[in-house]
Amino acid sequence: MPVGIEVFERGWLSANNIFHFGDDDVSLVDTGYVAHQSMTLGLMHNALDKHQLNTVNKVVNTHLHSDHCGGNAALKVAYDCQIYIPAAEAEVVRNWNMDLLSYQNLGQDCPQFSCDHVLIPGQSIVLGRYTWNILAAPGHDPHSVMLYQEQHGLLISADALWEEGFGVIFPEMWGESGFEEVAQTLDLIEGLAISLVIPGHGRPFVDVATALATARSRLDYLASDPDRNARHGAKVLLKYKLLEWRNKELSLVNQWISRTPALNSAAKQLNMDMDEFCIWLSQALVKSGAATIEDNYLVDKS
């Protein structure tokens, strides 16, 4: 890793944070989930103290899912930093339009934050000591971006590419295009000279070819039967919420499922009524080894 860049690898409830520092700029890419905001602030405090720095100038979000921007508001209060988000989301954030933001749709929480500047694909941004190219990366989220440091061959890939896959293709869960966009983003990554990928989740990795092959195989599997994507997305959403809850009474789990629009869309796509879908979804987590049912509680198993 070049001097001036540190990766705070987080658990799956919070996206990784990438800390950039130089003489004239201190920036953080992605800020984790709101339930972990105190940990995010602690990581920032320790990093600033370690490098004898005073403040954070920029917070940059690769996209606006709750695990990537849940610490924005707290960091703004702590450091009065400038917040940069993908340009296509600017008006939505300025109006805090809950119909267009993903949080209610996915059954998640995110404190309201402001937008100071936008990230425009094709342009660049200085983070710490280096200039990064802003690349459009639709698929997992229509407005997601990646950041590419050409001289060092570094790619901050967010949820467009992980070492063993990519983020849920959410647009397909409510009838919008996503499979083709994921394929295009993977093609874009393949065309870059990359020495290291810093993903949104999991450890940084160097074997880009294997990661791309794994991602394309996964994409082919999901796209060959869209119901697979709906089932996968539903399981991920419940598992994610269970990481926050740790355990929850089944009746309250079912209540949350019933009130989450994205899961209603998945149930409709899978031709299940809501009662059937609630039973199936909890049992699917148990079957996969991601949860257990104990005394009428759904319990996280990580």
C-alpha atoms as a PDB file:
ATOM      1  CA  MET A   1       0.000   0.000   0.000  1.00  0.00           C
ATOM      2  CA  PRO A   2       1.465   3.411  -0.883  1.00  0.00           C
ATOM      3  CA  VAL A   3       2.317   5.815   1.913  1.00  0.00           C
ATOM      4  CA  GLY A   4      -0.672   7.917   2.898  1.00  0.00           C
ATOM      5  CA  ILE A   5      -3.394   5.270   2.508  1.00  0.00           C
ATOM      6  CA  GLU A   6      -4.742   2.981   5.225  1.00  0.00           C
ATOM      7  CA  VAL A   7      -7.683   0.573   5.019  1.00  0.00           C
ATOM      8  CA  PHE A   8      -9.904   0.020   8.047  1.00  0.00           C
ATOM      9  CA  GLU A   9     -11.368  -3.379   7.267  1.00  0.00           C
ATOM     10  CA  ARG A  10     -14.785  -3.597   8.901  1.00  0.00           C
ATOM     11  CA  GLY A  11     -17.268  -6.386   9.509  1.00  0.00           C
ATOM     12  CA  TRP A  12     -20.132  -6.938   7.077  1.00  0.00           C
ATOM     13  CA  LEU A  13     -22.507  -4.531   8.823  1.00  0.00           C
ATOM     14  CA  SER A  14     -20.170  -1.637   7.949  1.00  0.00           C
ATOM     15  CA  ALA A  15     -18.317  -1.125   4.688  1.00  0.00           C
ATOM     16  CA  ASN A  16     -14.538  -0.751   4.778  1.00  0.00           C
ATOM     17  CA  ASN A  17     -13.217   2.764   5.416  1.00  0.00           C
ATOM     18  CA  ILE A  18     -10.254   4.014   3.383  1.00  0.00           C
ATOM     19  CA  PHE A  19      -8.204   6.705   5.129  1.00  0.00           C
ATOM     20  CA  HIS A  20      -6.145   9.070   2.949  1.00  0.00           C
ATOM     21  CA  PHE A  21      -3.712  11.579   4.434  1.00  0.00           C
ATOM     22  CA  GLY A  22      -1.179  14.066   3.107  1.00  0.00           C
ATOM     23  CA  ASP A  23       0.166  17.507   3.863  1.00  0.00           C
ATOM     24  CA  ASP A  24      -2.826  19.327   2.375  1.00  0.00           C
ATOM     25  CA  ASP A  25      -5.715  16.881   2.617  1.00  0.00           C
ATOM     26  CA  VAL A  26      -7.145  14.233   4.920  1.00  0.00           C
ATOM     27  CA  SER A  27     -10.054  12.222   3.501  1.00  0.00           C
ATOM     28  CA  LEU A  28     -12.148   9.176   4.358  1.00  0.00           C
ATOM     29  CA  VAL A  29     -13.892   7.037   1.750  1.00  0.00           C
ATOM     30  CA  ASP A  30     -17.115   5.481   3.109  1.00  0.00           C
ATOM     31  CA  THR A  31     -18.206   5.703   6.726  1.00  0.00           C
ATOM     32  CA  GLY A  32     -19.915   2.467   7.776  1.00  0.00           C
ATOM     33  CA  TYR A  33     -23.344   1.796   9.270  1.00  0.00           C
ATOM     34  CA  VAL A  34     -25.017   4.049  11.851  1.00  0.00           C
ATOM     35  CA  ALA A  35     -24.963   1.348  14.534  1.00  0.00           C
ATOM     36  CA  HIS A  36     -21.158   1.443  14.292  1.00  0.00           C
ATOM     37  CA  GLN A  37     -20.737   5.223  14.105  1.00  0.00           C
ATOM     38  CA  SER A  38     -18.976   5.444  17.476  1.00  0.00           C
ATOM     39  CA  MET A  39     -16.442   2.881  16.248  1.00  0.00           C
ATOM     40  CA  THR A  40     -15.983   4.871  13.026  1.00  0.00           C
ATOM     41  CA  LEU A  41     -15.315   8.014  15.051  1.00  0.00           C
ATOM     42  CA  GLY A  42     -12.870   6.080  17.210  1.00  0.00           C
ATOM     43  CA  LEU A  43     -10.991   4.772  14.194  1.00  0.00           C
ATOM     44  CA  MET A  44     -10.734   8.290  12.802  1.00  0.00           C
ATOM     45  CA  HIS A  45      -9.580   9.747  16.117  1.00  0.00           C
ATOM     46  CA  ASN A  46      -6.877   7.093  16.455  1.00  0.00           C
ATOM     47  CA  ALA A  47      -5.693   7.555  12.866  1.00  0.00           C
ATOM     48  CA  LEU A  48      -5.481  11.322  13.218  1.00  0.00           C
ATOM     49  CA  ASP A  49      -3.630  10.987  16.503  1.00  0.00           C
ATOM     50  CA  LYS A  50      -1.238   8.384  15.067  1.00  0.00           C
ATOM     51  CA  HIS A  51      -0.261  10.645  12.186  1.00  0.00           C
ATOM     52  CA  GLN A  52      -0.382  13.885  14.203  1.00  0.00           C
ATOM     53  CA  LEU A  53      -3.226  15.315  12.138  1.00  0.00           C
ATOM     54  CA  ASN A  54      -5.938  17.685  13.307  1.00  0.00           C
ATOM     55  CA  THR A  55      -9.030  17.107  11.209  1.00  0.00           C
ATOM     56  CA  VAL A  56     -10.747  15.430   8.267  1.00  0.00           C
ATOM     57  CA  ASN A  57     -11.296  17.568   5.179  1.00  0.00           C
ATOM     58  CA  LYS A  58     -13.415  15.243   3.046  1.00  0.00           C
ATOM     59  CA  VAL A  59     -15.810  12.363   3.393  1.00  0.00           C
ATOM     60  CA  VAL A  60     -16.393  10.582   0.082  1.00  0.00           C
ATOM     61  CA  ASN A  61     -19.170   8.033  -0.504  1.00  0.00           C
ATOM     62  CA  THR A  62     -18.846   5.509  -3.318  1.00  0.00           C
ATOM     63  CA  HIS A  63     -22.627   5.094  -3.114  1.00  0.00           C
ATOM     64  CA  LEU A  64     -25.384   5.810  -0.643  1.00  0.00           C
ATOM     65  CA  HIS A  65     -26.306   2.427   0.786  1.00  0.00           C
ATOM     66  CA  SER A  66     -26.565   2.648   4.550  1.00  0.00           C
ATOM     67  CA  ASP A  67     -23.419   0.610   5.249  1.00  0.00           C
ATOM     68  CA  HIS A  68     -21.331   3.133   3.298  1.00  0.00           C
ATOM     69  CA  CYS A  69     -22.686   6.447   4.588  1.00  0.00           C
ATOM     70  CA  GLY A  70     -24.155   5.770   8.037  1.00  0.00           C
ATOM     71  CA  GLY A  71     -21.322   7.650   9.734  1.00  0.00           C
ATOM     72  CA  ASN A  72     -21.548  10.758   7.523  1.00  0.00           C
ATOM     73  CA  ALA A  73     -23.637  12.829   9.907  1.00  0.00           C
ATOM     74  CA  ALA A  74     -21.466  12.028  12.937  1.00  0.00           C
ATOM     75  CA  LEU A  75     -18.244  12.845  11.061  1.00  0.00           C
ATOM     76  CA  LYS A  76     -19.740  16.123   9.850  1.00  0.00           C
ATOM     77  CA  VAL A  77     -20.487  17.118  13.439  1.00  0.00           C
ATOM     78  CA  ALA A  78     -17.058  16.028  14.676  1.00  0.00           C
ATOM     79  CA  TYR A  79     -14.902  17.564  11.933  1.00  0.00           C
ATOM     80  CA  ASP A  80     -17.086  19.870   9.828  1.00  0.00           C
ATOM     81  CA  CYS A  81     -15.778  17.967   6.794  1.00  0.00           C
ATOM     82  CA  GLN A  82     -17.034  18.380   3.238  1.00  0.00           C
ATOM     83  CA  ILE A  83     -19.211  15.481   2.041  1.00  0.00           C
ATOM     84  CA  TYR A  84     -18.889  14.228  -1.546  1.00  0.00           C
ATOM     85  CA  ILE A  85     -21.521  11.929  -3.047  1.00  0.00           C
ATOM     86  CA  PRO A  86     -22.287  10.593  -6.556  1.00  0.00           C
ATOM     87  CA  ALA A  87     -23.700  13.435  -8.639  1.00  0.00           C
ATOM     88  CA  ALA A  88     -26.918  11.602  -9.552  1.00  0.00           C
ATOM     89  CA  GLU A  89     -27.892  11.461  -5.849  1.00  0.00           C
ATOM     90  CA  ALA A  90     -27.313  15.139  -5.032  1.00  0.00           C
ATOM     91  CA  GLU A  91     -30.868  16.425  -5.397  1.00  0.00           C
ATOM     92  CA  VAL A  92     -32.279  13.404  -3.587  1.00  0.00           C
ATOM     93  CA  VAL A  93     -29.978  14.031  -0.605  1.00  0.00           C
ATOM     94  CA  ARG A  94     -30.563  17.784  -0.552  1.00  0.00           C
ATOM     95  CA  ASN A  95     -34.318  17.121  -0.336  1.00  0.00           C
ATOM     96  CA  TRP A  96     -33.806  13.977   1.775  1.00  0.00           C
ATOM     97  CA  ASN A  97     -36.358  12.204  -0.406  1.00  0.00           C
ATOM     98  CA  MET A  98     -37.108   8.949   1.400  1.00  0.00           C
ATOM     99  CA  ASP A  99     -39.035   7.639  -1.590  1.00  0.00           C
ATOM    100  CA  LEU A 100     -35.856   7.747  -3.678  1.00  0.00           C
ATOM    101  CA  LEU A 101     -33.222   7.009  -1.041  1.00  0.00           C
ATOM    102  CA  SER A 102     -32.741   3.299  -0.374  1.00  0.00           C
ATOM    103  CA  TYR A 103     -33.142   3.180   3.398  1.00  0.00           C
ATOM    104  CA  GLN A 104     -36.880   2.635   3.798  1.00  0.00           C
ATOM    105  CA  ASN A 105     -36.960   0.380   0.751  1.00  0.00           C
ATOM    106  CA  LEU A 106     -34.296  -1.898   2.232  1.00  0.00           C
ATOM    107  CA  GLY A 107     -35.517  -1.684   5.822  1.00  0.00           C
ATOM    108  CA  GLN A 108     -32.386   0.065   7.105  1.00  0.00           C
ATOM    109  CA  ASP A 109     -31.465   3.238   8.995  1.00  0.00           C
ATOM    110  CA  CYS A 110     -29.276   6.191   8.057  1.00  0.00           C
ATOM    111  CA  PRO A 111     -29.127   9.582   9.813  1.00  0.00           C
ATOM    112  CA  GLN A 112     -29.784  12.523   7.511  1.00  0.00           C
ATOM    113  CA  PHE A 113     -26.644  14.177   6.188  1.00  0.00           C
ATOM    114  CA  SER A 114     -25.834  17.059   3.867  1.00  0.00           C
ATOM    115  CA  CYS A 115     -24.143  17.095   0.475  1.00  0.00           C
ATOM    116  CA  ASP A 116     -21.409  19.655  -0.203  1.00  0.00           C
ATOM    117  CA  HIS A 117     -19.900  18.393  -3.473  1.00  0.00           C
ATOM    118  CA  VAL A 118     -20.549  15.745  -6.118  1.00  0.00           C
ATOM    119  CA  LEU A 119     -18.510  12.995  -7.748  1.00  0.00           C
ATOM    120  CA  ILE A 120     -18.789  13.073 -11.539  1.00  0.00           C
ATOM    121  CA  PRO A 121     -17.575  10.053 -13.545  1.00  0.00           C
ATOM    122  CA  GLY A 122     -14.815  11.079 -15.918  1.00  0.00           C
ATOM    123  CA  GLN A 123     -13.486  13.692 -13.516  1.00  0.00           C
ATOM    124  CA  SER A 124     -10.941  13.268 -10.719  1.00  0.00           C
ATOM    125  CA  ILE A 125     -10.570  14.029  -7.027  1.00  0.00           C
ATOM    126  CA  VAL A 126      -7.567  14.516  -4.737  1.00  0.00           C
ATOM    127  CA  LEU A 127      -7.604  12.248  -1.685  1.00  0.00           C
ATOM    128  CA  GLY A 128      -4.659  12.685   0.637  1.00  0.00           C
ATOM    129  CA  ARG A 129      -1.505  12.632  -1.505  1.00  0.00           C
ATOM    130  CA  TYR A 130      -2.921  11.248  -4.735  1.00  0.00           C
ATOM    131  CA  THR A 131      -5.321  12.057  -7.548  1.00  0.00           C
ATOM    132  CA  TRP A 132      -8.034   9.467  -8.208  1.00  0.00           C
ATOM    133  CA  ASN A 133     -10.161   9.028 -11.318  1.00  0.00           C
ATOM    134  CA  ILE A 134     -13.915   8.735 -10.726  1.00  0.00           C
ATOM    135  CA  LEU A 135     -15.463   5.810 -12.618  1.00  0.00           C
ATOM    136  CA  ALA A 136     -19.156   4.971 -12.995  1.00  0.00           C
ATOM    137  CA  ALA A 137     -19.936   1.510 -11.597  1.00  0.00           C
ATOM    138  CA  PRO A 138     -23.665   0.779 -11.977  1.00  0.00           C
ATOM    139  CA  GLY A 139     -25.171  -2.617 -11.214  1.00  0.00           C
ATOM    140  CA  HIS A 140     -25.292  -3.148  -7.456  1.00  0.00           C
ATOM    141  CA  ASP A 141     -26.477   0.456  -7.244  1.00  0.00           C
ATOM    142  CA  PRO A 142     -27.292   2.520 -10.355  1.00  0.00           C
ATOM    143  CA  HIS A 143     -25.296   5.541  -9.153  1.00  0.00           C
ATOM    144  CA  SER A 144     -22.277   3.863  -7.573  1.00  0.00           C
ATOM    145  CA  VAL A 145     -18.763   4.987  -8.436  1.00  0.00           C
ATOM    146  CA  MET A 146     -15.301   3.472  -8.092  1.00  0.00           C
ATOM    147  CA  LEU A 147     -12.044   5.370  -7.546  1.00  0.00           C
ATOM    148  CA  TYR A 148      -8.911   4.525  -9.534  1.00  0.00           C
ATOM    149  CA  GLN A 149      -5.364   5.670  -8.790  1.00  0.00           C
ATOM    150  CA  GLU A 150      -3.619   5.058 -12.084  1.00  0.00           C
ATOM    151  CA  GLN A 151       0.035   5.598 -11.083  1.00  0.00           C
ATOM    152  CA  HIS A 152      -0.121   2.972  -8.325  1.00  0.00           C
ATOM    153  CA  GLY A 153      -2.753   0.766  -9.949  1.00  0.00           C
ATOM    154  CA  LEU A 154      -5.157   1.022  -7.016  1.00  0.00           C
ATOM    155  CA  LEU A 155      -8.901   0.492  -7.372  1.00  0.00           C
ATOM    156  CA  ILE A 156     -11.422   1.315  -4.660  1.00  0.00           C
ATOM    157  CA  SER A 157     -14.117  -0.955  -6.051  1.00  0.00           C
ATOM    158  CA  ALA A 158     -16.858  -0.480  -3.423  1.00  0.00           C
ATOM    159  CA  ASP A 159     -19.423  -3.268  -3.994  1.00  0.00           C
ATOM    160  CA  ALA A 160     -18.769  -3.634  -7.731  1.00  0.00           C
ATOM    161  CA  LEU A 161     -16.090  -6.277  -7.136  1.00  0.00           C
ATOM    162  CA  TRP A 162     -15.143  -8.252  -4.065  1.00  0.00           C
ATOM    163  CA  GLU A 163     -12.568 -11.014  -3.831  1.00  0.00           C
ATOM    164  CA  GLU A 164     -15.397 -13.546  -4.125  1.00  0.00           C
ATOM    165  CA  GLY A 165     -18.245 -11.767  -5.895  1.00  0.00           C
ATOM    166  CA  PHE A 166     -20.049  -8.435  -5.672  1.00  0.00           C
ATOM    167  CA  GLY A 167     -22.934  -6.749  -3.889  1.00  0.00           C
ATOM    168  CA  VAL A 168     -26.570  -7.759  -4.355  1.00  0.00           C
ATOM    169  CA  ILE A 169     -27.962  -6.596  -7.683  1.00  0.00           C
ATOM    170  CA  PHE A 170     -30.755  -4.642  -6.032  1.00  0.00           C
ATOM    171  CA  PRO A 171     -32.318  -2.987  -9.136  1.00  0.00           C
ATOM    172  CA  GLU A 172     -33.338  -6.410 -10.479  1.00  0.00           C
ATOM    173  CA  MET A 173     -35.316  -7.012  -7.275  1.00  0.00           C
ATOM    174  CA  TRP A 174     -37.814  -4.300  -8.231  1.00  0.00           C
ATOM    175  CA  GLY A 175     -37.931  -4.779 -11.965  1.00  0.00           C
ATOM    176  CA  GLU A 176     -35.135  -2.483 -13.123  1.00  0.00           C
ATOM    177  CA  SER A 177     -32.052  -3.393 -15.136  1.00  0.00           C
ATOM    178  CA  GLY A 178     -28.982  -4.540 -13.221  1.00  0.00           C
ATOM    179  CA  PHE A 179     -27.430  -7.684 -14.696  1.00  0.00           C
ATOM    180  CA  GLU A 180     -26.186  -5.952 -17.838  1.00  0.00           C
ATOM    181  CA  GLU A 181     -24.779  -3.051 -15.819  1.00  0.00           C
ATOM    182  CA  VAL A 182     -22.819  -5.428 -13.574  1.00  0.00           C
ATOM    183  CA  ALA A 183     -21.328  -7.060 -16.672  1.00  0.00           C
ATOM    184  CA  GLN A 184     -20.325  -3.682 -18.078  1.00  0.00           C
ATOM    185  CA  THR A 185     -18.696  -2.656 -14.814  1.00  0.00           C
ATOM    186  CA  LEU A 186     -16.728  -5.919 -14.666  1.00  0.00           C
ATOM    187  CA  ASP A 187     -15.555  -5.278 -18.239  1.00  0.00           C
ATOM    188  CA  LEU A 188     -14.437  -1.795 -17.222  1.00  0.00           C
ATOM    189  CA  ILE A 189     -12.429  -3.197 -14.310  1.00  0.00           C
ATOM    190  CA  GLU A 190     -10.804  -5.780 -16.565  1.00  0.00           C
ATOM    191  CA  GLY A 191      -9.529  -3.001 -18.806  1.00  0.00           C
ATOM    192  CA  LEU A 192      -7.670  -1.227 -15.994  1.00  0.00           C
ATOM    193  CA  ALA A 193      -4.077  -1.850 -14.945  1.00  0.00           C
ATOM    194  CA  ILE A 194      -4.630  -2.858 -11.313  1.00  0.00           C
ATOM    195  CA  SER A 195      -2.072  -3.911  -8.711  1.00  0.00           C
ATOM    196  CA  LEU A 196      -4.462  -3.879  -5.737  1.00  0.00           C
ATOM    197  CA  VAL A 197      -8.243  -3.819  -5.263  1.00  0.00           C
ATOM    198  CA  ILE A 198      -9.659  -2.256  -2.096  1.00  0.00           C
ATOM    199  CA  PRO A 199     -13.224  -3.642  -1.937  1.00  0.00           C
ATOM    200  CA  GLY A 200     -16.183  -2.343   0.013  1.00  0.00           C
ATOM    201  CA  HIS A 201     -16.149  -5.509   2.118  1.00  0.00           C
ATOM    202  CA  GLY A 202     -13.387  -7.992   2.845  1.00  0.00           C
ATOM    203  CA  ARG A 203      -9.647  -7.705   2.618  1.00  0.00           C
ATOM    204  CA  PRO A 204      -7.777  -5.896  -0.173  1.00  0.00           C
ATOM    205  CA  PHE A 205      -6.589  -8.328  -2.840  1.00  0.00           C
ATOM    206  CA  VAL A 206      -4.226  -8.541  -5.814  1.00  0.00           C
ATOM    207  CA  ASP A 207      -5.566 -11.462  -7.883  1.00  0.00           C
ATOM    208  CA  VAL A 208      -7.937  -9.441 -10.019  1.00  0.00           C
ATOM    209  CA  ALA A 209      -8.277 -12.050 -12.773  1.00  0.00           C
ATOM    210  CA  THR A 210      -9.549 -14.719 -10.387  1.00  0.00           C
ATOM    211  CA  ALA A 211     -11.927 -12.259  -8.709  1.00  0.00           C
ATOM    212  CA  LEU A 212     -13.345 -11.242 -12.097  1.00  0.00           C
ATOM    213  CA  ALA A 213     -13.804 -14.860 -13.136  1.00  0.00           C
ATOM    214  CA  THR A 214     -15.598 -15.605  -9.874  1.00  0.00           C
ATOM    215  CA  ALA A 215     -17.803 -12.528 -10.287  1.00  0.00           C
ATOM    216  CA  ARG A 216     -18.718 -13.385 -13.877  1.00  0.00           C
ATOM    217  CA  SER A 217     -19.590 -16.946 -12.901  1.00  0.00           C
ATOM    218  CA  ARG A 218     -21.784 -15.595 -10.118  1.00  0.00           C
ATOM    219  CA  LEU A 219     -23.437 -13.127 -12.488  1.00  0.00           C
ATOM    220  CA  ASP A 220     -24.180 -15.859 -15.037  1.00  0.00           C
ATOM    221  CA  TYR A 221     -25.749 -17.981 -12.287  1.00  0.00           C
ATOM    222  CA  LEU A 222     -28.004 -15.158 -11.093  1.00  0.00           C
ATOM    223  CA  ALA A 223     -28.948 -13.823 -14.530  1.00  0.00           C
ATOM    224  CA  SER A 224     -29.910 -17.260 -15.865  1.00  0.00           C
ATOM    225  CA  ASP A 225     -32.840 -17.316 -13.408  1.00  0.00           C
ATOM    226  CA  PRO A 226     -33.899 -13.920 -11.960  1.00  0.00           C
ATOM    227  CA  ASP A 227     -35.678 -15.684  -9.084  1.00  0.00           C
ATOM    228  CA  ARG A 228     -32.220 -16.633  -7.814  1.00  0.00           C
ATOM    229  CA  ASN A 229     -31.310 -12.979  -7.475  1.00  0.00           C
ATOM    230  CA  ALA A 230     -34.557 -12.279  -5.605  1.00  0.00           C
ATOM    231  CA  ARG A 231     -33.925 -15.152  -3.189  1.00  0.00           C
ATOM    232  CA  HIS A 232     -30.304 -14.158  -2.695  1.00  0.00           C
ATOM    233  CA  GLY A 233     -31.152 -10.498  -2.171  1.00  0.00           C
ATOM    234  CA  ALA A 234     -33.872 -11.324   0.345  1.00  0.00           C
ATOM    235  CA  LYS A 235     -31.531 -13.531   2.365  1.00  0.00           C
ATOM    236  CA  VAL A 236     -28.815 -10.870   2.350  1.00  0.00           C
ATOM    237  CA  LEU A 237     -31.232  -8.175   3.559  1.00  0.00           C
ATOM    238  CA  LEU A 238     -32.458 -10.280   6.473  1.00  0.00           C
ATOM    239  CA  LYS A 239     -28.952 -11.454   7.376  1.00  0.00           C
ATOM    240  CA  TYR A 240     -27.758  -7.840   7.313  1.00  0.00           C
ATOM    241  CA  LYS A 241     -30.555  -6.765   9.657  1.00  0.00           C
ATOM    242  CA  LEU A 242     -29.832  -9.737  11.899  1.00  0.00           C
ATOM    243  CA  LEU A 243     -26.187  -8.624  12.181  1.00  0.00           C
ATOM    244  CA  GLU A 244     -27.572  -5.431  13.695  1.00  0.00           C
ATOM    245  CA  TRP A 245     -30.164  -7.122  15.899  1.00  0.00           C
ATOM    246  CA  ARG A 246     -28.027 -10.143  16.872  1.00  0.00           C
ATOM    247  CA  ASN A 247     -31.302 -11.871  17.798  1.00  0.00           C
ATOM    248  CA  LYS A 248     -34.973 -11.042  17.376  1.00  0.00           C
ATOM    249  CA  GLU A 249     -38.301 -12.598  18.255  1.00  0.00           C
ATOM    250  CA  LEU A 250     -39.714 -14.286  15.158  1.00  0.00           C
ATOM    251  CA  SER A 251     -42.964 -12.330  15.257  1.00  0.00           C
ATOM    252  CA  LEU A 252     -40.978  -9.085  15.125  1.00  0.00           C
ATOM    253  CA  VAL A 253     -38.749 -10.462  12.368  1.00  0.00           C
ATOM    254  CA  ASN A 254     -41.861 -11.247  10.336  1.00  0.00           C
ATOM    255  CA  GLN A 255     -43.226  -7.785  11.051  1.00  0.00           C
ATOM    256  CA  TRP A 256     -40.026  -6.200   9.718  1.00  0.00           C
ATOM    257  CA  ILE A 257     -40.075  -8.415   6.615  1.00  0.00           C
ATOM    258  CA  SER A 258     -43.700  -7.490   5.912  1.00  0.00           C
ATOM    259  CA  ARG A 259     -42.956  -3.766   6.221  1.00  0.00           C
ATOM    260  CA  THR A 260     -39.838  -3.759   4.015  1.00  0.00           C
ATOM    261  CA  PRO A 261     -40.744  -2.790   0.425  1.00  0.00           C
ATOM    262  CA  ALA A 262     -37.805  -4.584  -1.226  1.00  0.00           C
ATOM    263  CA  LEU A 263     -38.825  -7.816   0.482  1.00  0.00           C
ATOM    264  CA  ASN A 264     -42.418  -7.330  -0.607  1.00  0.00           C
ATOM    265  CA  SER A 265     -41.098  -7.035  -4.169  1.00  0.00           C
ATOM    266  CA  ALA A 266     -39.085 -10.239  -3.720  1.00  0.00           C
ATOM    267  CA  ALA A 267     -42.126 -12.115  -2.375  1.00  0.00           C
ATOM    268  CA  LYS A 268     -44.178 -10.955  -5.340  1.00  0.00           C
ATOM    269  CA  GLN A 269     -41.482 -12.018  -7.807  1.00  0.00           C
ATOM    270  CA  LEU A 270     -41.282 -15.443  -6.137  1.00  0.00           C
ATOM    271  CA  ASN A 271     -45.100 -15.805  -6.183  1.00  0.00           C
ATOM    272  CA  MET A 272     -45.351 -16.233  -2.409  1.00  0.00           C
ATOM    273  CA  ASP A 273     -47.879 -14.650  -0.094  1.00  0.00           C
ATOM    274  CA  MET A 274     -46.305 -12.752   2.778  1.00  0.00           C
ATOM    275  CA  ASP A 275     -46.919 -15.386   5.453  1.00  0.00           C
ATOM    276  CA  GLU A 276     -45.321 -18.053   3.280  1.00  0.00           C
ATOM    277  CA  PHE A 277     -42.454 -15.748   2.389  1.00  0.00           C
ATOM    278  CA  CYS A 278     -41.707 -14.874   6.039  1.00  0.00           C
ATOM    279  CA  ILE A 279     -41.482 -18.534   6.990  1.00  0.00           C
ATOM    280  CA  TRP A 280     -39.347 -19.344   3.956  1.00  0.00           C
ATOM    281  CA  LEU A 281     -36.924 -16.468   4.500  1.00  0.00           C
ATOM    282  CA  SER A 282     -36.066 -17.230   8.127  1.00  0.00           C
ATOM    283  CA  GLN A 283     -35.753 -20.926   7.337  1.00  0.00           C
ATOM    284  CA  ALA A 284     -33.517 -20.103   4.368  1.00  0.00           C
ATOM    285  CA  LEU A 285     -31.055 -18.362   6.692  1.00  0.00           C
ATOM    286  CA  VAL A 286     -31.134 -21.348   9.031  1.00  0.00           C
ATOM    287  CA  LYS A 287     -30.606 -23.780   6.157  1.00  0.00           C
ATOM    288  CA  SER A 288     -27.597 -21.808   4.919  1.00  0.00           C
ATOM    289  CA  GLY A 289     -26.028 -21.786   8.375  1.00  0.00           C
ATOM    290  CA  ALA A 290     -26.358 -18.008   8.775  1.00  0.00           C
ATOM    291  CA  ALA A 291     -28.831 -18.190  11.665  1.00  0.00           C
ATOM    292  CA  THR A 292     -30.529 -20.490  14.130  1.00  0.00           C
ATOM    293  CA  ILE A 293     -33.981 -20.474  15.683  1.00  0.00           C
ATOM    294  CA  GLU A 294     -33.901 -20.727  19.481  1.00  0.00           C
ATOM    295  CA  ASP A 295     -36.944 -20.342  21.756  1.00  0.00           C
ATOM    296  CA  ASN A 296     -38.880 -18.583  18.993  1.00  0.00           C
ATOM    297  CA  TYR A 297     -36.020 -16.152  18.323  1.00  0.00           C
ATOM    298  CA  LEU A 298     -34.027 -15.816  15.120  1.00  0.00           C
ATOM    299  CA  VAL A 299     -30.386 -15.731  16.245  1.00  0.00           C
ATOM    300  CA  ASP A 300     -27.426 -14.584  14.189  1.00  0.00           C
ATOM    301  CA  LYS A 301     -24.756 -17.175  13.537  1.00  0.00           C
ATOM    302  CA  SER A 302     -21.556 -15.567  12.251  1.00  0.00           C
END
